[in-house]
Amino acid sequence: MAIKIPSSLAVDEVESIALAALQDPALRVVVALSGIHALPARQIRSMLVEHVDLPGRRLDPEGLNRPLDDYTAEAITEYLAYRHRQWPNSTNSHLLITRNTATTATAVSTFWMDKLVKRLPVGIDQLRQDRILEEALANGADPLHLAHVFSLGAKASLRYTSAVAESEAEQELNTR
């Protein structure tokens, strides 16, 4: 079975994603967490409010303890304000909630997440892959770096380093 090599998003896809994210506070958080922090949908759905330290500028999903960038901090801040306006009495500890989960302790559903990102030209997995590929390109395709930064296994890290090597080989052929 051949290994699927990830590819970068097109400029028009990135622009479309950015525009859609401006329209919905929950979508903006999902785009930030998948497109910047490369979190998979399952981690985004299960993330708790306590995993976000806005004053300390840290994000700690499942013990990963990452620095919190400006875009993600703003997205989460705006979403939390929206969440409080919509469901001021919610005690649900999950970061993302809906009208169905606001009065429970459950995470948002896979169906809800899929519906949220349906307006995007790509899914959460592609956003995540694009971010990891971007990191691989920026840091010399070091599989250990990718494994450390994104908690990837060896096989997954090598997929991204292979993608970078393939891209570099294509560029070299095109410049000859």
N, C-alpha and C. Protein backbone atom coordinates (compact mmCIF):
# COMPACT_ATOMS: atom_id res chain seq x y z
N MET A 1 0.83 -1.18 0.00
CA MET A 1 0.00 0.00 0.00
C MET A 1 0.88 1.25 0.00
N ALA A 2 0.65 2.15 -0.93
CA ALA A 2 1.44 3.37 -1.06
C ALA A 2 1.10 4.35 0.06
N ILE A 3 2.11 5.08 0.48
CA ILE A 3 1.92 6.10 1.50
C ILE A 3 1.38 7.35 0.82
N LYS A 4 0.30 7.90 1.35
CA LYS A 4 -0.28 9.12 0.79
C LYS A 4 0.57 10.30 1.25
N ILE A 5 1.09 11.02 0.25
CA ILE A 5 1.94 12.18 0.54
C ILE A 5 1.06 13.43 0.63
N PRO A 6 1.12 14.15 1.75
CA PRO A 6 0.30 15.37 1.89
C PRO A 6 0.77 16.46 0.93
N SER A 7 -0.14 17.35 0.58
CA SER A 7 0.21 18.48 -0.28
C SER A 7 -0.31 19.77 0.34
N SER A 8 0.31 20.87 -0.04
CA SER A 8 -0.06 22.18 0.51
C SER A 8 -1.39 22.65 -0.04
N LEU A 9 -2.07 23.49 0.73
CA LEU A 9 -3.31 24.10 0.27
C LEU A 9 -2.99 25.18 -0.77
N ALA A 10 -3.91 25.37 -1.69
CA ALA A 10 -3.78 26.43 -2.69
C ALA A 10 -4.09 27.77 -2.04
N VAL A 11 -3.56 28.83 -2.61
CA VAL A 11 -3.76 30.18 -2.07
C VAL A 11 -5.25 30.52 -1.99
N ASP A 12 -6.02 30.17 -3.02
CA ASP A 12 -7.45 30.48 -3.00
C ASP A 12 -8.18 29.71 -1.90
N GLU A 13 -7.70 28.50 -1.58
CA GLU A 13 -8.30 27.74 -0.48
C GLU A 13 -8.02 28.42 0.86
N VAL A 14 -6.81 28.88 1.05
CA VAL A 14 -6.44 29.57 2.29
C VAL A 14 -7.26 30.85 2.45
N GLU A 15 -7.41 31.60 1.38
CA GLU A 15 -8.20 32.83 1.43
C GLU A 15 -9.66 32.54 1.74
N SER A 16 -10.20 31.49 1.15
CA SER A 16 -11.59 31.10 1.41
C SER A 16 -11.79 30.68 2.86
N ILE A 17 -10.82 29.96 3.40
CA ILE A 17 -10.88 29.52 4.80
C ILE A 17 -10.84 30.74 5.73
N ALA A 18 -9.94 31.66 5.45
CA ALA A 18 -9.82 32.87 6.29
C ALA A 18 -11.11 33.68 6.27
N LEU A 19 -11.72 33.82 5.12
CA LEU A 19 -12.97 34.57 5.00
C LEU A 19 -14.10 33.88 5.76
N ALA A 20 -14.22 32.57 5.62
CA ALA A 20 -15.26 31.81 6.32
C ALA A 20 -15.07 31.90 7.83
N ALA A 21 -13.82 31.85 8.29
CA ALA A 21 -13.53 31.89 9.72
C ALA A 21 -13.94 33.21 10.35
N LEU A 22 -13.93 34.27 9.56
CA LEU A 22 -14.34 35.58 10.09
C LEU A 22 -15.84 35.64 10.36
N GLN A 23 -16.61 34.75 9.75
CA GLN A 23 -18.06 34.79 9.83
C GLN A 23 -18.64 34.04 11.04
N ASP A 24 -17.83 33.17 11.67
CA ASP A 24 -18.36 32.31 12.73
C ASP A 24 -17.30 32.12 13.81
N PRO A 25 -17.57 32.53 15.05
CA PRO A 25 -16.56 32.43 16.11
C PRO A 25 -16.11 30.99 16.38
N ALA A 26 -17.02 30.04 16.32
CA ALA A 26 -16.64 28.64 16.56
C ALA A 26 -15.76 28.13 15.43
N LEU A 27 -16.10 28.48 14.21
CA LEU A 27 -15.29 28.05 13.06
C LEU A 27 -13.90 28.67 13.14
N ARG A 28 -13.82 29.90 13.58
CA ARG A 28 -12.51 30.54 13.70
C ARG A 28 -11.62 29.79 14.70
N VAL A 29 -12.20 29.34 15.80
CA VAL A 29 -11.44 28.55 16.78
C VAL A 29 -10.99 27.24 16.16
N VAL A 30 -11.88 26.56 15.46
CA VAL A 30 -11.54 25.28 14.83
C VAL A 30 -10.44 25.48 13.80
N VAL A 31 -10.54 26.52 12.99
CA VAL A 31 -9.51 26.80 11.98
C VAL A 31 -8.17 27.08 12.67
N ALA A 32 -8.18 27.84 13.75
CA ALA A 32 -6.94 28.13 14.47
C ALA A 32 -6.33 26.87 15.07
N LEU A 33 -7.15 26.06 15.70
CA LEU A 33 -6.63 24.87 16.38
C LEU A 33 -6.14 23.81 15.40
N SER A 34 -6.81 23.70 14.25
CA SER A 34 -6.37 22.71 13.26
C SER A 34 -5.31 23.29 12.32
N GLY A 35 -5.48 24.53 11.90
CA GLY A 35 -4.59 25.11 10.91
C GLY A 35 -3.31 25.72 11.46
N ILE A 36 -3.29 26.04 12.73
CA ILE A 36 -2.08 26.60 13.35
C ILE A 36 -1.43 25.59 14.29
N HIS A 37 -2.25 24.95 15.11
CA HIS A 37 -1.72 24.01 16.10
C HIS A 37 -1.78 22.56 15.65
N ALA A 38 -2.35 22.33 14.47
CA ALA A 38 -2.42 21.00 13.86
C ALA A 38 -3.10 19.97 14.76
N LEU A 39 -4.11 20.40 15.49
CA LEU A 39 -4.85 19.45 16.33
C LEU A 39 -5.87 18.71 15.47
N PRO A 40 -6.00 17.41 15.70
CA PRO A 40 -7.04 16.66 14.98
C PRO A 40 -8.42 16.99 15.54
N ALA A 41 -9.44 16.70 14.76
CA ALA A 41 -10.82 17.01 15.15
C ALA A 41 -11.17 16.45 16.52
N ARG A 42 -10.74 15.25 16.81
CA ARG A 42 -11.05 14.60 18.10
C ARG A 42 -10.51 15.43 19.26
N GLN A 43 -9.31 15.97 19.13
CA GLN A 43 -8.73 16.79 20.20
C GLN A 43 -9.44 18.13 20.32
N ILE A 44 -9.83 18.69 19.19
CA ILE A 44 -10.55 19.97 19.23
C ILE A 44 -11.89 19.78 19.92
N ARG A 45 -12.60 18.72 19.57
CA ARG A 45 -13.91 18.46 20.16
C ARG A 45 -13.81 18.24 21.66
N SER A 46 -12.77 17.58 22.10
CA SER A 46 -12.66 17.23 23.53
C SER A 46 -11.90 18.27 24.36
N MET A 47 -11.40 19.32 23.72
CA MET A 47 -10.63 20.33 24.46
C MET A 47 -11.51 21.03 25.51
N LEU A 48 -10.95 21.18 26.69
CA LEU A 48 -11.64 21.84 27.79
C LEU A 48 -11.20 23.30 27.91
N VAL A 49 -12.04 24.11 28.50
CA VAL A 49 -11.70 25.52 28.72
C VAL A 49 -10.42 25.61 29.55
N GLU A 50 -10.25 24.71 30.49
CA GLU A 50 -9.06 24.75 31.36
C GLU A 50 -7.77 24.44 30.60
N HIS A 51 -7.86 23.93 29.37
CA HIS A 51 -6.67 23.68 28.56
C HIS A 51 -6.13 24.95 27.91
N VAL A 52 -6.87 26.04 28.07
CA VAL A 52 -6.48 27.32 27.47
C VAL A 52 -6.10 28.29 28.60
N ASP A 53 -4.88 28.77 28.56
CA ASP A 53 -4.40 29.76 29.53
C ASP A 53 -4.14 31.05 28.76
N LEU A 54 -5.18 31.88 28.64
CA LEU A 54 -5.05 33.12 27.88
C LEU A 54 -4.04 34.09 28.49
N PRO A 55 -4.08 34.34 29.82
CA PRO A 55 -3.09 35.27 30.40
C PRO A 55 -1.65 34.75 30.26
N GLY A 56 -1.47 33.45 30.42
CA GLY A 56 -0.15 32.84 30.31
C GLY A 56 0.25 32.50 28.89
N ARG A 57 -0.68 32.71 27.96
CA ARG A 57 -0.46 32.45 26.53
C ARG A 57 0.01 31.02 26.27
N ARG A 58 -0.73 30.05 26.86
CA ARG A 58 -0.40 28.63 26.66
C ARG A 58 -1.66 27.88 26.26
N LEU A 59 -1.45 26.81 25.53
CA LEU A 59 -2.50 25.90 25.11
C LEU A 59 -2.03 24.52 25.53
N ASP A 60 -2.86 23.79 26.26
CA ASP A 60 -2.40 22.52 26.82
C ASP A 60 -3.41 21.40 26.57
N PRO A 61 -3.66 21.06 25.30
CA PRO A 61 -4.56 19.94 25.03
C PRO A 61 -3.83 18.62 25.25
N GLU A 62 -4.37 17.79 26.11
CA GLU A 62 -3.81 16.47 26.39
C GLU A 62 -2.33 16.52 26.76
N GLY A 63 -1.96 17.53 27.54
CA GLY A 63 -0.59 17.62 28.05
C GLY A 63 0.45 18.07 27.05
N LEU A 64 0.06 18.66 25.92
CA LEU A 64 1.03 19.07 24.90
C LEU A 64 1.74 20.39 25.24
N ASN A 65 1.10 21.27 26.01
CA ASN A 65 1.68 22.52 26.50
C ASN A 65 2.42 23.31 25.41
N ARG A 66 1.65 24.03 24.61
CA ARG A 66 2.18 24.81 23.50
C ARG A 66 1.99 26.30 23.74
N PRO A 67 2.86 27.12 23.12
CA PRO A 67 2.63 28.57 23.19
C PRO A 67 1.38 28.94 22.40
N LEU A 68 0.70 29.95 22.86
CA LEU A 68 -0.55 30.40 22.23
C LEU A 68 -0.26 31.64 21.39
N ASP A 69 -0.46 31.53 20.09
CA ASP A 69 -0.22 32.64 19.17
C ASP A 69 -1.34 33.67 19.25
N ASP A 70 -1.12 34.83 18.66
CA ASP A 70 -2.10 35.92 18.70
C ASP A 70 -3.43 35.54 18.05
N TYR A 71 -3.37 34.94 16.86
CA TYR A 71 -4.60 34.61 16.13
C TYR A 71 -5.48 33.67 16.95
N THR A 72 -4.87 32.62 17.48
CA THR A 72 -5.64 31.64 18.26
C THR A 72 -6.16 32.27 19.55
N ALA A 73 -5.33 33.07 20.22
CA ALA A 73 -5.77 33.73 21.46
C ALA A 73 -6.96 34.64 21.18
N GLU A 74 -6.90 35.41 20.10
CA GLU A 74 -8.02 36.29 19.74
C GLU A 74 -9.27 35.48 19.39
N ALA A 75 -9.07 34.40 18.64
CA ALA A 75 -10.21 33.56 18.24
C ALA A 75 -10.89 32.97 19.47
N ILE A 76 -10.10 32.46 20.41
CA ILE A 76 -10.67 31.86 21.62
C ILE A 76 -11.32 32.93 22.49
N THR A 77 -10.68 34.08 22.64
CA THR A 77 -11.26 35.17 23.44
C THR A 77 -12.61 35.58 22.88
N GLU A 78 -12.67 35.79 21.56
CA GLU A 78 -13.94 36.17 20.93
C GLU A 78 -14.99 35.07 21.06
N TYR A 79 -14.55 33.81 20.91
CA TYR A 79 -15.50 32.71 21.04
C TYR A 79 -16.04 32.62 22.46
N LEU A 80 -15.17 32.77 23.46
CA LEU A 80 -15.63 32.68 24.85
C LEU A 80 -16.63 33.79 25.18
N ALA A 81 -16.43 34.98 24.62
CA ALA A 81 -17.40 36.07 24.80
C ALA A 81 -18.72 35.70 24.13
N TYR A 82 -18.65 35.17 22.93
CA TYR A 82 -19.84 34.71 22.20
C TYR A 82 -20.55 33.61 22.99
N ARG A 83 -19.77 32.66 23.46
CA ARG A 83 -20.32 31.53 24.22
C ARG A 83 -21.05 32.03 25.47
N HIS A 84 -20.44 32.99 26.15
CA HIS A 84 -21.07 33.53 27.37
C HIS A 84 -22.37 34.27 27.05
N ARG A 85 -22.40 34.99 25.94
CA ARG A 85 -23.63 35.68 25.53
C ARG A 85 -24.73 34.67 25.18
N GLN A 86 -24.36 33.63 24.48
CA GLN A 86 -25.34 32.62 24.04
C GLN A 86 -25.84 31.75 25.19
N TRP A 87 -24.91 31.29 26.02
CA TRP A 87 -25.24 30.34 27.09
C TRP A 87 -24.59 30.81 28.40
N PRO A 88 -25.10 31.88 28.99
CA PRO A 88 -24.45 32.46 30.18
C PRO A 88 -24.41 31.53 31.39
N ASN A 89 -25.31 30.57 31.45
CA ASN A 89 -25.37 29.69 32.61
C ASN A 89 -24.78 28.31 32.36
N SER A 90 -24.11 28.13 31.23
CA SER A 90 -23.55 26.82 30.92
C SER A 90 -22.42 26.47 31.87
N THR A 91 -22.43 25.23 32.31
CA THR A 91 -21.34 24.73 33.14
C THR A 91 -20.53 23.67 32.40
N ASN A 92 -20.80 23.50 31.11
CA ASN A 92 -20.05 22.54 30.30
C ASN A 92 -18.59 23.00 30.25
N SER A 93 -17.68 22.11 30.60
CA SER A 93 -16.26 22.48 30.67
C SER A 93 -15.54 22.42 29.33
N HIS A 94 -16.21 21.93 28.29
CA HIS A 94 -15.59 21.88 26.97
C HIS A 94 -15.49 23.28 26.37
N LEU A 95 -14.43 23.52 25.63
CA LEU A 95 -14.24 24.83 25.00
C LEU A 95 -15.37 25.11 24.02
N LEU A 96 -15.63 24.20 23.12
CA LEU A 96 -16.70 24.37 22.14
C LEU A 96 -17.97 23.72 22.64
N ILE A 97 -19.06 24.47 22.60
CA ILE A 97 -20.35 23.92 22.98
C ILE A 97 -21.40 24.37 21.97
N THR A 98 -22.53 23.72 22.03
CA THR A 98 -23.66 24.06 21.16
C THR A 98 -24.90 24.22 22.04
N ARG A 99 -26.00 24.56 21.43
CA ARG A 99 -27.24 24.67 22.22
C ARG A 99 -27.62 23.30 22.80
N ASN A 100 -27.19 22.23 22.14
CA ASN A 100 -27.49 20.88 22.65
C ASN A 100 -26.55 20.45 23.76
N THR A 101 -25.32 20.94 23.75
CA THR A 101 -24.36 20.50 24.77
C THR A 101 -24.17 21.52 25.90
N ALA A 102 -24.72 22.71 25.75
CA ALA A 102 -24.52 23.77 26.75
C ALA A 102 -25.03 23.37 28.13
N THR A 103 -26.07 22.55 28.18
CA THR A 103 -26.65 22.15 29.47
C THR A 103 -26.22 20.75 29.89
N THR A 104 -25.20 20.22 29.22
CA THR A 104 -24.69 18.89 29.54
C THR A 104 -23.20 18.99 29.82
N ALA A 105 -22.57 17.85 30.01
CA ALA A 105 -21.12 17.82 30.19
C ALA A 105 -20.43 17.19 28.98
N THR A 106 -21.17 17.00 27.89
CA THR A 106 -20.62 16.31 26.73
C THR A 106 -19.94 17.27 25.75
N ALA A 107 -19.05 16.70 24.97
CA ALA A 107 -18.37 17.45 23.91
C ALA A 107 -19.31 17.61 22.72
N VAL A 108 -18.97 18.55 21.84
CA VAL A 108 -19.74 18.69 20.61
C VAL A 108 -19.59 17.40 19.80
N SER A 109 -20.57 17.13 18.97
CA SER A 109 -20.56 15.88 18.20
C SER A 109 -19.70 15.98 16.95
N THR A 110 -19.34 14.84 16.44
CA THR A 110 -18.64 14.77 15.16
C THR A 110 -19.52 15.37 14.07
N PHE A 111 -20.81 15.09 14.12
CA PHE A 111 -21.75 15.64 13.14
C PHE A 111 -21.72 17.17 13.17
N TRP A 112 -21.75 17.76 14.36
CA TRP A 112 -21.71 19.22 14.48
C TRP A 112 -20.42 19.78 13.89
N MET A 113 -19.31 19.13 14.21
CA MET A 113 -18.01 19.60 13.70
C MET A 113 -17.96 19.49 12.18
N ASP A 114 -18.44 18.38 11.65
CA ASP A 114 -18.47 18.21 10.19
C ASP A 114 -19.34 19.27 9.53
N LYS A 115 -20.48 19.56 10.14
CA LYS A 115 -21.39 20.57 9.59
C LYS A 115 -20.75 21.96 9.66
N LEU A 116 -20.04 22.25 10.74
CA LEU A 116 -19.37 23.53 10.91
C LEU A 116 -18.34 23.79 9.81
N VAL A 117 -17.55 22.77 9.49
CA VAL A 117 -16.48 22.96 8.51
C VAL A 117 -16.92 22.68 7.07
N LYS A 118 -18.16 22.32 6.89
CA LYS A 118 -18.66 21.99 5.55
C LYS A 118 -18.51 23.15 4.58
N ARG A 119 -18.60 24.37 5.05
CA ARG A 119 -18.48 25.54 4.17
C ARG A 119 -17.04 25.83 3.74
N LEU A 120 -16.09 25.13 4.33
CA LEU A 120 -14.69 25.31 3.95
C LEU A 120 -14.36 24.48 2.71
N PRO A 121 -13.37 24.89 1.93
CA PRO A 121 -13.00 24.12 0.74
C PRO A 121 -12.26 22.82 1.08
N VAL A 122 -11.78 22.71 2.31
CA VAL A 122 -11.08 21.51 2.77
C VAL A 122 -11.56 21.16 4.18
N GLY A 123 -11.28 19.95 4.60
CA GLY A 123 -11.67 19.51 5.94
C GLY A 123 -10.58 19.78 6.97
N ILE A 124 -10.89 19.41 8.20
CA ILE A 124 -9.95 19.61 9.31
C ILE A 124 -8.65 18.85 9.07
N ASP A 125 -8.75 17.63 8.55
CA ASP A 125 -7.53 16.85 8.30
C ASP A 125 -6.59 17.56 7.33
N GLN A 126 -7.17 18.15 6.27
CA GLN A 126 -6.32 18.85 5.30
C GLN A 126 -5.70 20.11 5.90
N LEU A 127 -6.46 20.81 6.75
CA LEU A 127 -5.90 21.98 7.44
C LEU A 127 -4.71 21.56 8.31
N ARG A 128 -4.92 20.50 9.03
CA ARG A 128 -3.88 19.97 9.92
C ARG A 128 -2.65 19.55 9.11
N GLN A 129 -2.88 18.81 8.03
CA GLN A 129 -1.77 18.35 7.19
C GLN A 129 -1.00 19.52 6.59
N ASP A 130 -1.72 20.54 6.17
CA ASP A 130 -1.06 21.71 5.59
C ASP A 130 -0.15 22.37 6.61
N ARG A 131 -0.60 22.46 7.85
CA ARG A 131 0.21 23.09 8.91
C ARG A 131 1.47 22.27 9.19
N ILE A 132 1.32 20.96 9.25
CA ILE A 132 2.49 20.11 9.52
C ILE A 132 3.47 20.18 8.35
N LEU A 133 2.94 20.18 7.14
CA LEU A 133 3.79 20.29 5.95
C LEU A 133 4.53 21.63 5.94
N GLU A 134 3.83 22.69 6.31
CA GLU A 134 4.46 24.02 6.40
C GLU A 134 5.62 23.99 7.39
N GLU A 135 5.42 23.34 8.52
CA GLU A 135 6.49 23.23 9.53
C GLU A 135 7.65 22.41 8.99
N ALA A 136 7.35 21.34 8.27
CA ALA A 136 8.40 20.51 7.68
C ALA A 136 9.23 21.31 6.68
N LEU A 137 8.56 22.10 5.86
CA LEU A 137 9.27 22.93 4.87
C LEU A 137 10.12 24.00 5.56
N ALA A 138 9.63 24.55 6.64
CA ALA A 138 10.33 25.64 7.34
C ALA A 138 11.52 25.15 8.16
N ASN A 139 11.52 23.89 8.54
CA ASN A 139 12.56 23.38 9.44
C ASN A 139 13.37 22.24 8.85
N GLY A 140 13.57 22.26 7.57
CA GLY A 140 14.45 21.28 6.95
C GLY A 140 13.96 19.85 6.98
N ALA A 141 12.68 19.65 7.05
CA ALA A 141 12.09 18.31 6.99
C ALA A 141 12.70 17.36 8.02
N ASP A 142 12.85 17.83 9.21
CA ASP A 142 13.40 17.02 10.30
C ASP A 142 12.28 16.21 10.94
N PRO A 143 12.29 14.88 10.77
CA PRO A 143 11.19 14.07 11.31
C PRO A 143 11.11 14.10 12.83
N LEU A 144 12.24 14.25 13.50
CA LEU A 144 12.22 14.31 14.97
C LEU A 144 11.57 15.61 15.44
N HIS A 145 11.84 16.69 14.74
CA HIS A 145 11.22 17.98 15.07
C HIS A 145 9.70 17.87 14.92
N LEU A 146 9.26 17.32 13.81
CA LEU A 146 7.82 17.17 13.57
C LEU A 146 7.18 16.28 14.63
N ALA A 147 7.85 15.19 14.96
CA ALA A 147 7.32 14.27 15.97
C ALA A 147 7.17 14.98 17.31
N HIS A 148 8.16 15.78 17.66
CA HIS A 148 8.12 16.50 18.94
C HIS A 148 7.05 17.59 18.95
N VAL A 149 7.02 18.43 17.93
CA VAL A 149 6.11 19.58 17.90
C VAL A 149 4.66 19.15 17.82
N PHE A 150 4.38 18.11 17.02
CA PHE A 150 2.99 17.73 16.77
C PHE A 150 2.59 16.38 17.37
N SER A 151 3.46 15.80 18.18
CA SER A 151 3.19 14.49 18.80
C SER A 151 2.84 13.44 17.75
N LEU A 152 3.66 13.39 16.71
CA LEU A 152 3.45 12.42 15.63
C LEU A 152 4.32 11.19 15.86
N GLY A 153 3.87 10.08 15.32
CA GLY A 153 4.68 8.87 15.31
C GLY A 153 5.70 8.94 14.19
N ALA A 154 6.60 7.97 14.15
CA ALA A 154 7.66 7.96 13.14
C ALA A 154 7.10 7.89 11.73
N LYS A 155 6.13 7.03 11.52
CA LYS A 155 5.55 6.85 10.18
C LYS A 155 4.92 8.15 9.67
N ALA A 156 4.17 8.81 10.54
CA ALA A 156 3.52 10.06 10.15
C ALA A 156 4.56 11.15 9.86
N SER A 157 5.58 11.26 10.70
CA SER A 157 6.63 12.25 10.48
C SER A 157 7.32 12.03 9.14
N LEU A 158 7.55 10.79 8.81
CA LEU A 158 8.22 10.48 7.55
C LEU A 158 7.35 10.80 6.34
N ARG A 159 6.03 10.74 6.48
CA ARG A 159 5.15 11.14 5.37
C ARG A 159 5.41 12.59 4.99
N TYR A 160 5.57 13.44 5.99
CA TYR A 160 5.78 14.86 5.73
C TYR A 160 7.18 15.14 5.21
N THR A 161 8.18 14.44 5.73
CA THR A 161 9.53 14.65 5.21
C THR A 161 9.62 14.13 3.77
N SER A 162 8.90 13.07 3.46
CA SER A 162 8.84 12.57 2.07
C SER A 162 8.19 13.60 1.16
N ALA A 163 7.15 14.24 1.65
CA ALA A 163 6.46 15.27 0.85
C ALA A 163 7.41 16.43 0.55
N VAL A 164 8.21 16.83 1.54
CA VAL A 164 9.16 17.92 1.33
C VAL A 164 10.23 17.49 0.33
N ALA A 165 10.75 16.27 0.48
CA ALA A 165 11.78 15.78 -0.44
C ALA A 165 11.23 15.72 -1.87
N GLU A 166 10.00 15.27 -2.01
CA GLU A 166 9.36 15.20 -3.33
C GLU A 166 9.18 16.60 -3.91
N SER A 167 8.77 17.53 -3.10
CA SER A 167 8.58 18.91 -3.54
C SER A 167 9.91 19.54 -3.97
N GLU A 168 10.95 19.30 -3.20
CA GLU A 168 12.27 19.84 -3.54
C GLU A 168 12.80 19.23 -4.82
N ALA A 169 12.57 17.93 -5.02
CA ALA A 169 13.01 17.25 -6.24
C ALA A 169 12.29 17.83 -7.46
N GLU A 170 10.99 18.08 -7.32
CA GLU A 170 10.22 18.67 -8.42
C GLU A 170 10.73 20.07 -8.74
N GLN A 171 11.01 20.86 -7.71
CA GLN A 171 11.52 22.21 -7.93
C GLN A 171 12.87 22.19 -8.63
N GLU A 172 13.72 21.24 -8.24
CA GLU A 172 15.04 21.12 -8.86
C GLU A 172 14.91 20.75 -10.34
N LEU A 173 13.99 19.84 -10.65
CA LEU A 173 13.76 19.46 -12.05
C LEU A 173 13.23 20.63 -12.86
N ASN A 174 12.38 21.43 -12.25
CA ASN A 174 11.78 22.57 -12.96
C ASN A 174 12.77 23.71 -13.20
N THR A 175 13.83 23.77 -12.41
CA THR A 175 14.81 24.85 -12.58
C THR A 175 15.92 24.46 -13.54
N ARG A 176 15.92 23.25 -14.02
CA ARG A 176 16.98 22.81 -14.96
C ARG A 176 16.66 23.21 -16.35
